[in-house]
């Protein structure tokens, strides 16, 4: 009897060791797949993912039968306040202060809930506000660079869909009537690698600034003047010195984390295409860099940094260094 029990124990130990070994192999395999596939299909285990397979996440925000609020929400919080219940660092990335774990987030900080005098942001998208003007926005007739836009309330959900999306970071598939395809790769220990579609996200509201055909004239539908926009969604690689005004040392297609590198990030799509986009120069959420503008007001009631990634207009010098090509 004791021998049988002893034998059974040996079998159990072998079974446990086998399971552990298989688990290690599985983890190693998953790690290898993520490392070799630069743009895997978005997936996750948080409350925003896989509602069909695991609907328990619904109850985090909604109460099916006893809610007193619209959309069966558990609270009467604003949309931004709902998002900050987790995205203040307690249950997700700290969007408020712009921290992704222990690293600064490539999207930048909002700091909306920090007292006004304590804010360190020098510019930010103002979620929770009603906009009547968007730089580079389009009017209802589709005219670019209009001075006004139909008023709309700008919230986290204007760009992100909490219930899921085919895009990374829950970026909506359609924003402001425009189709958006946005992909990136992410490594919690290294950072974000921009894949493709960043400009489609930004130009959904700033359509008048989208220019992928070189330096072109943009007619202003309201003032009758001509303006120019920097080219985006083009491969800067051929424009190396002395053939053109581009310094590849100032940019990176490697994993990018602000604070870890001062280079500005380029997109690198699955086909190997390297592109400069809106997010090469700008943050999506907000910026803490030193501003150079003295004619515009920011969330701190001072000069704005225009969501730029480097102090003053340091993003220009990343590609056009030392006045070499001016």
C-alpha atoms as a PDB file:
ATOM      1  CA  UNK A   1       0.000   0.000   0.000  1.00  0.00           C
ATOM      2  CA  UNK A   2       2.782   2.370   0.940  1.00  0.00           C
ATOM      3  CA  UNK A   3       4.665   1.402  -2.221  1.00  0.00           C
ATOM      4  CA  UNK A   4       1.578   2.186  -4.289  1.00  0.00           C
ATOM      5  CA  UNK A   5       1.212   5.586  -2.649  1.00  0.00           C
ATOM      6  CA  UNK A   6       4.920   6.224  -3.115  1.00  0.00           C
ATOM      7  CA  UNK A   7       4.690   5.260  -6.751  1.00  0.00           C
ATOM      8  CA  UNK A   8       1.671   7.493  -7.212  1.00  0.00           C
ATOM      9  CA  UNK A   9       3.602  10.351  -5.646  1.00  0.00           C
ATOM     10  CA  UNK A  10       6.452   9.849  -8.098  1.00  0.00           C
ATOM     11  CA  UNK A  11       3.984   9.900 -10.979  1.00  0.00           C
ATOM     12  CA  UNK A  12       2.432  13.116  -9.620  1.00  0.00           C
ATOM     13  CA  UNK A  13       5.852  14.744  -9.282  1.00  0.00           C
ATOM     14  CA  UNK A  14       6.728  13.793 -12.847  1.00  0.00           C
ATOM     15  CA  UNK A  15       3.395  15.154 -14.043  1.00  0.00           C
ATOM     16  CA  UNK A  16       3.976  18.472 -12.242  1.00  0.00           C
ATOM     17  CA  UNK A  17       7.494  18.765 -13.690  1.00  0.00           C
ATOM     18  CA  UNK A  18       6.122  18.024 -17.153  1.00  0.00           C
ATOM     19  CA  UNK A  19       3.435  20.721 -16.816  1.00  0.00           C
ATOM     20  CA  UNK A  20       6.004  23.256 -15.575  1.00  0.00           C
ATOM     21  CA  UNK A  21       8.376  22.416 -18.431  1.00  0.00           C
ATOM     22  CA  UNK A  22       5.587  22.752 -20.985  1.00  0.00           C
ATOM     23  CA  UNK A  23       4.613  26.084 -19.448  1.00  0.00           C
ATOM     24  CA  UNK A  24       8.175  27.365 -19.749  1.00  0.00           C
ATOM     25  CA  UNK A  25       8.321  26.199 -23.365  1.00  0.00           C
ATOM     26  CA  UNK A  26       4.962  27.859 -24.088  1.00  0.00           C
ATOM     27  CA  UNK A  27       6.036  31.155 -22.524  1.00  0.00           C
ATOM     28  CA  UNK A  28       9.305  31.044 -24.427  1.00  0.00           C
ATOM     29  CA  UNK A  29       7.437  30.353 -27.660  1.00  0.00           C
ATOM     30  CA  UNK A  30       4.989  33.220 -27.077  1.00  0.00           C
ATOM     31  CA  UNK A  31       7.879  35.545 -26.279  1.00  0.00           C
ATOM     32  CA  UNK A  32       9.617  34.501 -29.477  1.00  0.00           C
ATOM     33  CA  UNK A  33       6.485  35.063 -31.559  1.00  0.00           C
ATOM     34  CA  UNK A  34       6.002  38.551 -30.142  1.00  0.00           C
ATOM     35  CA  UNK A  35       9.648  39.341 -30.743  1.00  0.00           C
ATOM     36  CA  UNK A  36       9.624  38.200 -34.375  1.00  0.00           C
ATOM     37  CA  UNK A  37       6.178  39.468 -35.387  1.00  0.00           C
ATOM     38  CA  UNK A  38       6.387  43.287 -35.306  1.00  0.00           C
ATOM     39  CA  UNK A  39       2.639  43.821 -35.625  1.00  0.00           C
ATOM     40  CA  UNK A  40       0.658  40.988 -34.039  1.00  0.00           C
ATOM     41  CA  UNK A  41      -3.125  41.144 -33.898  1.00  0.00           C
ATOM     42  CA  UNK A  42      -4.244  43.306 -30.944  1.00  0.00           C
ATOM     43  CA  UNK A  43      -5.098  41.155 -27.966  1.00  0.00           C
ATOM     44  CA  UNK A  44      -5.239  41.444 -24.212  1.00  0.00           C
ATOM     45  CA  UNK A  45      -6.738  40.213 -20.976  1.00  0.00           C
ATOM     46  CA  UNK A  46      -7.990  43.466 -19.431  1.00  0.00           C
ATOM     47  CA  UNK A  47     -11.599  44.517 -19.035  1.00  0.00           C
ATOM     48  CA  UNK A  48     -11.632  46.058 -22.516  1.00  0.00           C
ATOM     49  CA  UNK A  49     -10.914  42.784 -24.287  1.00  0.00           C
ATOM     50  CA  UNK A  50     -12.764  39.615 -25.258  1.00  0.00           C
ATOM     51  CA  UNK A  51     -16.235  40.521 -23.981  1.00  0.00           C
ATOM     52  CA  UNK A  52     -17.768  37.639 -25.928  1.00  0.00           C
ATOM     53  CA  UNK A  53     -15.466  35.122 -24.267  1.00  0.00           C
ATOM     54  CA  UNK A  54     -15.303  36.798 -20.863  1.00  0.00           C
ATOM     55  CA  UNK A  55     -18.199  39.205 -20.289  1.00  0.00           C
ATOM     56  CA  UNK A  56     -17.357  39.729 -16.605  1.00  0.00           C
ATOM     57  CA  UNK A  57     -15.544  42.921 -17.616  1.00  0.00           C
ATOM     58  CA  UNK A  58     -18.924  44.535 -18.369  1.00  0.00           C
ATOM     59  CA  UNK A  59     -19.731  44.661 -14.659  1.00  0.00           C
ATOM     60  CA  UNK A  60     -16.682  46.803 -14.005  1.00  0.00           C
ATOM     61  CA  UNK A  61     -18.478  49.832 -15.450  1.00  0.00           C
ATOM     62  CA  UNK A  62     -22.114  48.782 -15.885  1.00  0.00           C
ATOM     63  CA  UNK A  63     -24.945  47.543 -13.682  1.00  0.00           C
ATOM     64  CA  UNK A  64     -27.507  45.645 -15.701  1.00  0.00           C
ATOM     65  CA  UNK A  65     -30.661  46.012 -13.569  1.00  0.00           C
ATOM     66  CA  UNK A  66     -29.999  48.514 -10.799  1.00  0.00           C
ATOM     67  CA  UNK A  67     -28.295  51.437 -12.519  1.00  0.00           C
ATOM     68  CA  UNK A  68     -29.652  54.940 -11.963  1.00  0.00           C
ATOM     69  CA  UNK A  69     -27.703  56.408 -14.854  1.00  0.00           C
ATOM     70  CA  UNK A  70     -27.685  56.500 -18.623  1.00  0.00           C
ATOM     71  CA  UNK A  71     -26.163  53.546 -20.493  1.00  0.00           C
ATOM     72  CA  UNK A  72     -26.485  51.482 -17.297  1.00  0.00           C
ATOM     73  CA  UNK A  73     -23.349  53.085 -15.877  1.00  0.00           C
ATOM     74  CA  UNK A  74     -22.569  52.457 -12.216  1.00  0.00           C
ATOM     75  CA  UNK A  75     -21.790  56.101 -11.552  1.00  0.00           C
ATOM     76  CA  UNK A  76     -22.759  59.523 -12.818  1.00  0.00           C
ATOM     77  CA  UNK A  77     -19.145  60.325 -13.641  1.00  0.00           C
ATOM     78  CA  UNK A  78     -18.192  62.050 -16.861  1.00  0.00           C
ATOM     79  CA  UNK A  79     -16.610  59.867 -19.506  1.00  0.00           C
ATOM     80  CA  UNK A  80     -13.156  61.171 -18.647  1.00  0.00           C
ATOM     81  CA  UNK A  81     -13.694  60.467 -14.937  1.00  0.00           C
ATOM     82  CA  UNK A  82     -14.768  56.916 -15.753  1.00  0.00           C
ATOM     83  CA  UNK A  83     -11.581  56.303 -17.719  1.00  0.00           C
ATOM     84  CA  UNK A  84      -9.453  57.750 -14.928  1.00  0.00           C
ATOM     85  CA  UNK A  85     -10.864  55.268 -12.434  1.00  0.00           C
ATOM     86  CA  UNK A  86      -8.350  52.798 -13.867  1.00  0.00           C
ATOM     87  CA  UNK A  87      -6.050  54.891 -16.005  1.00  0.00           C
ATOM     88  CA  UNK A  88      -4.607  56.769 -13.065  1.00  0.00           C
ATOM     89  CA  UNK A  89      -2.084  54.015 -12.500  1.00  0.00           C
ATOM     90  CA  UNK A  90      -4.253  51.876 -10.236  1.00  0.00           C
ATOM     91  CA  UNK A  91      -5.650  49.539 -12.869  1.00  0.00           C
ATOM     92  CA  UNK A  92      -4.012  50.574 -16.126  1.00  0.00           C
ATOM     93  CA  UNK A  93      -1.462  52.904 -17.624  1.00  0.00           C
ATOM     94  CA  UNK A  94      -1.397  56.304 -15.930  1.00  0.00           C
ATOM     95  CA  UNK A  95      -2.818  58.431 -18.718  1.00  0.00           C
ATOM     96  CA  UNK A  96      -3.145  61.435 -16.425  1.00  0.00           C
ATOM     97  CA  UNK A  97       0.581  61.813 -15.771  1.00  0.00           C
ATOM     98  CA  UNK A  98       1.674  60.028 -18.938  1.00  0.00           C
ATOM     99  CA  UNK A  99       3.372  57.026 -17.364  1.00  0.00           C
ATOM    100  CA  UNK A 100       3.340  53.568 -18.920  1.00  0.00           C
ATOM    101  CA  UNK A 101       4.368  51.477 -15.959  1.00  0.00           C
ATOM    102  CA  UNK A 102       7.711  52.906 -14.864  1.00  0.00           C
ATOM    103  CA  UNK A 103       8.397  54.611 -18.209  1.00  0.00           C
ATOM    104  CA  UNK A 104       7.039  57.869 -19.666  1.00  0.00           C
ATOM    105  CA  UNK A 105       4.282  57.105 -22.144  1.00  0.00           C
ATOM    106  CA  UNK A 106       4.963  57.816 -25.850  1.00  0.00           C
ATOM    107  CA  UNK A 107       1.493  59.373 -25.964  1.00  0.00           C
ATOM    108  CA  UNK A 108       2.396  62.000 -23.344  1.00  0.00           C
ATOM    109  CA  UNK A 109       0.467  63.235 -20.269  1.00  0.00           C
ATOM    110  CA  UNK A 110      -2.866  64.996 -19.769  1.00  0.00           C
ATOM    111  CA  UNK A 111      -2.661  65.891 -16.057  1.00  0.00           C
ATOM    112  CA  UNK A 112      -6.298  66.994 -16.184  1.00  0.00           C
ATOM    113  CA  UNK A 113      -7.001  66.180 -12.551  1.00  0.00           C
ATOM    114  CA  UNK A 114      -3.904  67.912 -11.184  1.00  0.00           C
ATOM    115  CA  UNK A 115      -4.592  71.387  -9.709  1.00  0.00           C
ATOM    116  CA  UNK A 116      -4.063  74.054 -12.351  1.00  0.00           C
ATOM    117  CA  UNK A 117      -1.050  75.614 -10.654  1.00  0.00           C
ATOM    118  CA  UNK A 118       0.678  72.239 -10.309  1.00  0.00           C
ATOM    119  CA  UNK A 119       0.504  71.176 -13.936  1.00  0.00           C
ATOM    120  CA  UNK A 120       3.730  70.621 -15.776  1.00  0.00           C
ATOM    121  CA  UNK A 121       2.162  70.017 -19.191  1.00  0.00           C
ATOM    122  CA  UNK A 122       2.782  72.765 -21.692  1.00  0.00           C
ATOM    123  CA  UNK A 123       0.122  71.554 -24.141  1.00  0.00           C
ATOM    124  CA  UNK A 124      -2.508  68.827 -24.243  1.00  0.00           C
ATOM    125  CA  UNK A 125      -5.632  67.729 -26.037  1.00  0.00           C
ATOM    126  CA  UNK A 126      -8.354  69.110 -23.812  1.00  0.00           C
ATOM    127  CA  UNK A 127     -10.675  66.179 -23.190  1.00  0.00           C
ATOM    128  CA  UNK A 128     -13.881  67.143 -21.439  1.00  0.00           C
ATOM    129  CA  UNK A 129     -14.147  70.378 -23.415  1.00  0.00           C
ATOM    130  CA  UNK A 130     -16.398  71.465 -26.239  1.00  0.00           C
ATOM    131  CA  UNK A 131     -14.435  72.545 -29.286  1.00  0.00           C
ATOM    132  CA  UNK A 132     -15.576  75.099 -31.839  1.00  0.00           C
ATOM    133  CA  UNK A 133     -12.211  75.288 -33.583  1.00  0.00           C
ATOM    134  CA  UNK A 134      -9.673  72.645 -34.525  1.00  0.00           C
ATOM    135  CA  UNK A 135      -6.353  73.638 -36.120  1.00  0.00           C
ATOM    136  CA  UNK A 136      -6.425  72.262 -39.617  1.00  0.00           C
ATOM    137  CA  UNK A 137     -10.009  71.189 -39.131  1.00  0.00           C
ATOM    138  CA  UNK A 138     -12.579  70.929 -41.867  1.00  0.00           C
ATOM    139  CA  UNK A 139     -16.002  72.511 -41.963  1.00  0.00           C
ATOM    140  CA  UNK A 140     -19.206  70.557 -42.699  1.00  0.00           C
ATOM    141  CA  UNK A 141     -18.705  71.241 -46.424  1.00  0.00           C
ATOM    142  CA  UNK A 142     -15.330  69.543 -46.389  1.00  0.00           C
ATOM    143  CA  UNK A 143     -13.325  72.726 -46.860  1.00  0.00           C
ATOM    144  CA  UNK A 144      -9.851  72.463 -45.313  1.00  0.00           C
ATOM    145  CA  UNK A 145      -8.352  74.865 -42.790  1.00  0.00           C
ATOM    146  CA  UNK A 146     -11.711  76.318 -41.828  1.00  0.00           C
ATOM    147  CA  UNK A 147     -11.645  78.707 -38.882  1.00  0.00           C
ATOM    148  CA  UNK A 148     -14.561  76.989 -37.207  1.00  0.00           C
ATOM    149  CA  UNK A 149     -15.938  73.536 -36.758  1.00  0.00           C
ATOM    150  CA  UNK A 150     -19.371  72.404 -35.662  1.00  0.00           C
ATOM    151  CA  UNK A 151     -19.111  72.342 -31.834  1.00  0.00           C
ATOM    152  CA  UNK A 152     -18.523  68.886 -30.434  1.00  0.00           C
ATOM    153  CA  UNK A 153     -17.645  67.519 -27.030  1.00  0.00           C
ATOM    154  CA  UNK A 154     -14.181  66.014 -27.007  1.00  0.00           C
ATOM    155  CA  UNK A 155     -13.777  63.044 -24.672  1.00  0.00           C
ATOM    156  CA  UNK A 156     -11.499  60.014 -24.360  1.00  0.00           C
ATOM    157  CA  UNK A 157     -14.107  58.140 -26.389  1.00  0.00           C
ATOM    158  CA  UNK A 158     -13.699  60.548 -29.288  1.00  0.00           C
ATOM    159  CA  UNK A 159     -10.515  58.681 -30.220  1.00  0.00           C
ATOM    160  CA  UNK A 160     -10.814  55.409 -28.265  1.00  0.00           C
ATOM    161  CA  UNK A 161     -13.515  52.752 -28.139  1.00  0.00           C
ATOM    162  CA  UNK A 162     -13.649  51.173 -24.661  1.00  0.00           C
ATOM    163  CA  UNK A 163     -15.510  48.154 -26.017  1.00  0.00           C
ATOM    164  CA  UNK A 164     -12.889  47.195 -28.560  1.00  0.00           C
ATOM    165  CA  UNK A 165     -11.422  48.028 -31.936  1.00  0.00           C
ATOM    166  CA  UNK A 166      -9.443  46.451 -34.748  1.00  0.00           C
ATOM    167  CA  UNK A 167      -6.805  49.105 -34.008  1.00  0.00           C
ATOM    168  CA  UNK A 168      -4.147  49.096 -31.317  1.00  0.00           C
ATOM    169  CA  UNK A 169      -4.670  51.098 -28.134  1.00  0.00           C
ATOM    170  CA  UNK A 170      -8.443  50.836 -28.706  1.00  0.00           C
ATOM    171  CA  UNK A 171      -8.221  53.624 -31.281  1.00  0.00           C
ATOM    172  CA  UNK A 172     -11.572  53.888 -33.048  1.00  0.00           C
ATOM    173  CA  UNK A 173     -11.944  52.491 -36.559  1.00  0.00           C
ATOM    174  CA  UNK A 174     -13.820  55.617 -37.591  1.00  0.00           C
ATOM    175  CA  UNK A 175     -13.246  59.096 -36.158  1.00  0.00           C
ATOM    176  CA  UNK A 176     -15.101  62.193 -37.243  1.00  0.00           C
ATOM    177  CA  UNK A 177     -16.339  60.355 -40.324  1.00  0.00           C
ATOM    178  CA  UNK A 178     -12.870  59.222 -41.443  1.00  0.00           C
ATOM    179  CA  UNK A 179     -11.578  55.649 -41.553  1.00  0.00           C
ATOM    180  CA  UNK A 180      -8.641  55.064 -39.188  1.00  0.00           C
ATOM    181  CA  UNK A 181      -6.141  52.191 -39.265  1.00  0.00           C
ATOM    182  CA  UNK A 182      -3.577  52.448 -36.488  1.00  0.00           C
ATOM    183  CA  UNK A 183      -1.113  49.736 -35.532  1.00  0.00           C
ATOM    184  CA  UNK A 184       1.924  49.597 -33.300  1.00  0.00           C
ATOM    185  CA  UNK A 185       3.907  46.998 -31.418  1.00  0.00           C
ATOM    186  CA  UNK A 186       4.466  47.172 -27.662  1.00  0.00           C
ATOM    187  CA  UNK A 187       6.985  45.796 -25.225  1.00  0.00           C
ATOM    188  CA  UNK A 188       6.453  46.608 -21.549  1.00  0.00           C
ATOM    189  CA  UNK A 189      10.206  46.556 -20.946  1.00  0.00           C
ATOM    190  CA  UNK A 190      11.250  48.477 -24.026  1.00  0.00           C
ATOM    191  CA  UNK A 191       8.504  50.634 -25.432  1.00  0.00           C
ATOM    192  CA  UNK A 192       6.360  51.242 -28.480  1.00  0.00           C
ATOM    193  CA  UNK A 193       7.277  50.691 -32.112  1.00  0.00           C
ATOM    194  CA  UNK A 194       5.078  52.702 -34.432  1.00  0.00           C
ATOM    195  CA  UNK A 195       3.655  50.547 -37.195  1.00  0.00           C
ATOM    196  CA  UNK A 196       1.356  52.390 -39.566  1.00  0.00           C
ATOM    197  CA  UNK A 197      -1.678  54.655 -39.686  1.00  0.00           C
ATOM    198  CA  UNK A 198      -0.601  57.329 -37.179  1.00  0.00           C
ATOM    199  CA  UNK A 199      -1.408  60.112 -39.634  1.00  0.00           C
ATOM    200  CA  UNK A 200      -4.853  58.651 -40.328  1.00  0.00           C
ATOM    201  CA  UNK A 201      -5.615  59.072 -36.635  1.00  0.00           C
ATOM    202  CA  UNK A 202      -4.477  62.697 -36.456  1.00  0.00           C
ATOM    203  CA  UNK A 203      -5.911  63.799 -39.800  1.00  0.00           C
ATOM    204  CA  UNK A 204      -9.380  62.558 -38.847  1.00  0.00           C
ATOM    205  CA  UNK A 205      -9.757  65.929 -37.112  1.00  0.00           C
ATOM    206  CA  UNK A 206      -6.803  67.900 -38.510  1.00  0.00           C
ATOM    207  CA  UNK A 207      -7.550  66.970 -42.104  1.00  0.00           C
ATOM    208  CA  UNK A 208      -6.333  70.271 -43.502  1.00  0.00           C
ATOM    209  CA  UNK A 209      -2.808  69.556 -42.320  1.00  0.00           C
ATOM    210  CA  UNK A 210      -2.534  66.213 -44.062  1.00  0.00           C
ATOM    211  CA  UNK A 211      -0.122  66.464 -46.970  1.00  0.00           C
ATOM    212  CA  UNK A 212       1.727  63.475 -48.449  1.00  0.00           C
ATOM    213  CA  UNK A 213       2.710  64.921 -51.817  1.00  0.00           C
ATOM    214  CA  UNK A 214       5.532  67.299 -50.958  1.00  0.00           C
ATOM    215  CA  UNK A 215       5.341  70.970 -50.076  1.00  0.00           C
ATOM    216  CA  UNK A 216       2.010  72.001 -51.563  1.00  0.00           C
ATOM    217  CA  UNK A 217      -0.300  74.959 -51.328  1.00  0.00           C
ATOM    218  CA  UNK A 218      -3.477  74.653 -49.263  1.00  0.00           C
ATOM    219  CA  UNK A 219      -6.245  77.140 -50.059  1.00  0.00           C
ATOM    220  CA  UNK A 220      -7.931  78.522 -46.938  1.00  0.00           C
ATOM    221  CA  UNK A 221     -11.667  78.292 -47.542  1.00  0.00           C
ATOM    222  CA  UNK A 222     -12.501  81.149 -45.208  1.00  0.00           C
ATOM    223  CA  UNK A 223      -9.703  83.673 -45.609  1.00  0.00           C
ATOM    224  CA  UNK A 224      -8.738  83.103 -49.223  1.00  0.00           C
ATOM    225  CA  UNK A 225      -5.049  82.864 -48.275  1.00  0.00           C
ATOM    226  CA  UNK A 226      -2.513  80.206 -49.203  1.00  0.00           C
ATOM    227  CA  UNK A 227      -0.811  78.096 -46.538  1.00  0.00           C
ATOM    228  CA  UNK A 228       1.792  75.333 -46.623  1.00  0.00           C
ATOM    229  CA  UNK A 229       2.068  72.106 -44.627  1.00  0.00           C
ATOM    230  CA  UNK A 230       5.053  69.879 -43.900  1.00  0.00           C
ATOM    231  CA  UNK A 231       4.899  66.632 -45.790  1.00  0.00           C
ATOM    232  CA  UNK A 232       3.946  63.456 -43.877  1.00  0.00           C
ATOM    233  CA  UNK A 233       3.582  59.780 -44.745  1.00  0.00           C
ATOM    234  CA  UNK A 234       6.704  59.760 -46.891  1.00  0.00           C
ATOM    235  CA  UNK A 235       9.915  57.766 -46.664  1.00  0.00           C
ATOM    236  CA  UNK A 236      12.741  60.141 -45.679  1.00  0.00           C
ATOM    237  CA  UNK A 237      15.445  57.516 -46.178  1.00  0.00           C
ATOM    238  CA  UNK A 238      16.418  58.624 -49.724  1.00  0.00           C
ATOM    239  CA  UNK A 239      16.868  62.214 -48.573  1.00  0.00           C
ATOM    240  CA  UNK A 240      20.285  61.821 -47.003  1.00  0.00           C
ATOM    241  CA  UNK A 241      23.021  64.437 -47.084  1.00  0.00           C
ATOM    242  CA  UNK A 242      24.042  65.964 -49.359  1.00  0.00           C
ATOM    243  CA  UNK A 243      21.108  65.015 -51.577  1.00  0.00           C
ATOM    244  CA  UNK A 244      18.484  66.445 -49.252  1.00  0.00           C
ATOM    245  CA  UNK A 245      17.707  67.967 -45.835  1.00  0.00           C
ATOM    246  CA  UNK A 246      17.448  64.821 -43.756  1.00  0.00           C
ATOM    247  CA  UNK A 247      19.587  63.408 -40.970  1.00  0.00           C
ATOM    248  CA  UNK A 248      18.792  59.737 -40.273  1.00  0.00           C
ATOM    249  CA  UNK A 249      20.708  59.897 -36.971  1.00  0.00           C
ATOM    250  CA  UNK A 250      17.948  62.053 -35.516  1.00  0.00           C
ATOM    251  CA  UNK A 251      15.208  59.468 -36.052  1.00  0.00           C
ATOM    252  CA  UNK A 252      14.553  55.913 -34.958  1.00  0.00           C
ATOM    253  CA  UNK A 253      12.517  52.923 -36.095  1.00  0.00           C
ATOM    254  CA  UNK A 254      13.514  51.021 -32.965  1.00  0.00           C
ATOM    255  CA  UNK A 255      11.256  50.776 -29.927  1.00  0.00           C
ATOM    256  CA  UNK A 256      10.641  54.298 -28.708  1.00  0.00           C
ATOM    257  CA  UNK A 257      10.205  55.693 -25.225  1.00  0.00           C
ATOM    258  CA  UNK A 258      10.320  59.406 -24.550  1.00  0.00           C
ATOM    259  CA  UNK A 259      12.978  60.110 -21.953  1.00  0.00           C
ATOM    260  CA  UNK A 260      14.938  57.045 -23.016  1.00  0.00           C
ATOM    261  CA  UNK A 261      15.719  58.440 -26.459  1.00  0.00           C
ATOM    262  CA  UNK A 262      15.631  61.990 -27.785  1.00  0.00           C
ATOM    263  CA  UNK A 263      15.275  60.755 -31.342  1.00  0.00           C
ATOM    264  CA  UNK A 264      11.922  61.167 -33.024  1.00  0.00           C
ATOM    265  CA  UNK A 265      10.068  57.984 -34.046  1.00  0.00           C
ATOM    266  CA  UNK A 266       9.374  56.917 -37.607  1.00  0.00           C
ATOM    267  CA  UNK A 267       6.782  54.358 -38.610  1.00  0.00           C
ATOM    268  CA  UNK A 268       8.010  51.036 -39.898  1.00  0.00           C
ATOM    269  CA  UNK A 269       5.277  49.006 -41.514  1.00  0.00           C
ATOM    270  CA  UNK A 270       5.273  45.243 -41.989  1.00  0.00           C
ATOM    271  CA  UNK A 271       6.527  45.646 -45.545  1.00  0.00           C
ATOM    272  CA  UNK A 272       9.563  47.509 -44.240  1.00  0.00           C
ATOM    273  CA  UNK A 273       8.376  50.924 -45.381  1.00  0.00           C
ATOM    274  CA  UNK A 274       9.735  53.697 -43.182  1.00  0.00           C
ATOM    275  CA  UNK A 275       7.555  56.789 -42.914  1.00  0.00           C
ATOM    276  CA  UNK A 276       7.560  60.145 -41.215  1.00  0.00           C
ATOM    277  CA  UNK A 277       4.101  60.813 -39.742  1.00  0.00           C
ATOM    278  CA  UNK A 278       2.324  63.361 -37.567  1.00  0.00           C
ATOM    279  CA  UNK A 279       3.488  61.443 -34.482  1.00  0.00           C
ATOM    280  CA  UNK A 280       7.095  61.710 -35.548  1.00  0.00           C
ATOM    281  CA  UNK A 281       6.985  65.278 -34.234  1.00  0.00           C
ATOM    282  CA  UNK A 282       3.927  65.341 -31.964  1.00  0.00           C
ATOM    283  CA  UNK A 283       2.546  63.497 -28.935  1.00  0.00           C
ATOM    284  CA  UNK A 284      -1.035  62.243 -29.053  1.00  0.00           C
ATOM    285  CA  UNK A 285      -2.056  63.274 -25.510  1.00  0.00           C
ATOM    286  CA  UNK A 286       0.142  66.064 -24.219  1.00  0.00           C
ATOM    287  CA  UNK A 287       3.664  67.399 -23.852  1.00  0.00           C
ATOM    288  CA  UNK A 288       5.929  68.655 -21.064  1.00  0.00           C
ATOM    289  CA  UNK A 289       8.685  70.044 -23.270  1.00  0.00           C
ATOM    290  CA  UNK A 290       9.737  73.692 -23.216  1.00  0.00           C
ATOM    291  CA  UNK A 291       7.589  75.790 -25.544  1.00  0.00           C
ATOM    292  CA  UNK A 292       8.809  78.387 -28.007  1.00  0.00           C
ATOM    293  CA  UNK A 293       5.495  79.901 -29.076  1.00  0.00           C
ATOM    294  CA  UNK A 294       4.625  83.163 -27.350  1.00  0.00           C
ATOM    295  CA  UNK A 295       1.468  83.911 -29.284  1.00  0.00           C
ATOM    296  CA  UNK A 296      -0.725  80.968 -28.279  1.00  0.00           C
ATOM    297  CA  UNK A 297      -2.224  79.860 -24.980  1.00  0.00           C
ATOM    298  CA  UNK A 298      -1.971  76.334 -23.579  1.00  0.00           C
ATOM    299  CA  UNK A 299      -3.618  74.442 -20.721  1.00  0.00           C
ATOM    300  CA  UNK A 300      -1.234  76.201 -18.346  1.00  0.00           C
ATOM    301  CA  UNK A 301      -2.295  79.649 -19.598  1.00  0.00           C
ATOM    302  CA  UNK A 302       1.180  80.167 -21.009  1.00  0.00           C
ATOM    303  CA  UNK A 303       3.053  79.534 -24.230  1.00  0.00           C
ATOM    304  CA  UNK A 304       2.138  76.240 -25.853  1.00  0.00           C
ATOM    305  CA  UNK A 305       4.494  73.486 -26.911  1.00  0.00           C
ATOM    306  CA  UNK A 306       2.005  72.331 -29.561  1.00  0.00           C
ATOM    307  CA  UNK A 307       2.280  68.682 -28.448  1.00  0.00           C
ATOM    308  CA  UNK A 308       5.869  68.560 -29.735  1.00  0.00           C
ATOM    309  CA  UNK A 309       8.337  65.866 -28.635  1.00  0.00           C
ATOM    310  CA  UNK A 310      11.423  68.048 -28.167  1.00  0.00           C
ATOM    311  CA  UNK A 311      12.006  71.389 -26.454  1.00  0.00           C
ATOM    312  CA  UNK A 312      11.203  74.516 -28.435  1.00  0.00           C
ATOM    313  CA  UNK A 313      11.350  73.378 -32.069  1.00  0.00           C
ATOM    314  CA  UNK A 314      13.950  70.706 -31.411  1.00  0.00           C
ATOM    315  CA  UNK A 315      12.005  68.238 -33.572  1.00  0.00           C
ATOM    316  CA  UNK A 316      13.140  70.227 -36.614  1.00  0.00           C
ATOM    317  CA  UNK A 317      16.801  69.748 -35.716  1.00  0.00           C
ATOM    318  CA  UNK A 318      16.358  65.972 -35.532  1.00  0.00           C
ATOM    319  CA  UNK A 319      16.103  65.884 -39.318  1.00  0.00           C
ATOM    320  CA  UNK A 320      17.599  69.286 -40.182  1.00  0.00           C
ATOM    321  CA  UNK A 321      20.578  69.498 -37.804  1.00  0.00           C
ATOM    322  CA  UNK A 322      22.770  72.501 -37.097  1.00  0.00           C
ATOM    323  CA  UNK A 323      21.297  74.716 -39.790  1.00  0.00           C
ATOM    324  CA  UNK A 324      23.232  72.565 -42.285  1.00  0.00           C
ATOM    325  CA  UNK A 325      20.481  72.677 -44.869  1.00  0.00           C
ATOM    326  CA  UNK A 326      18.868  76.057 -44.189  1.00  0.00           C
END
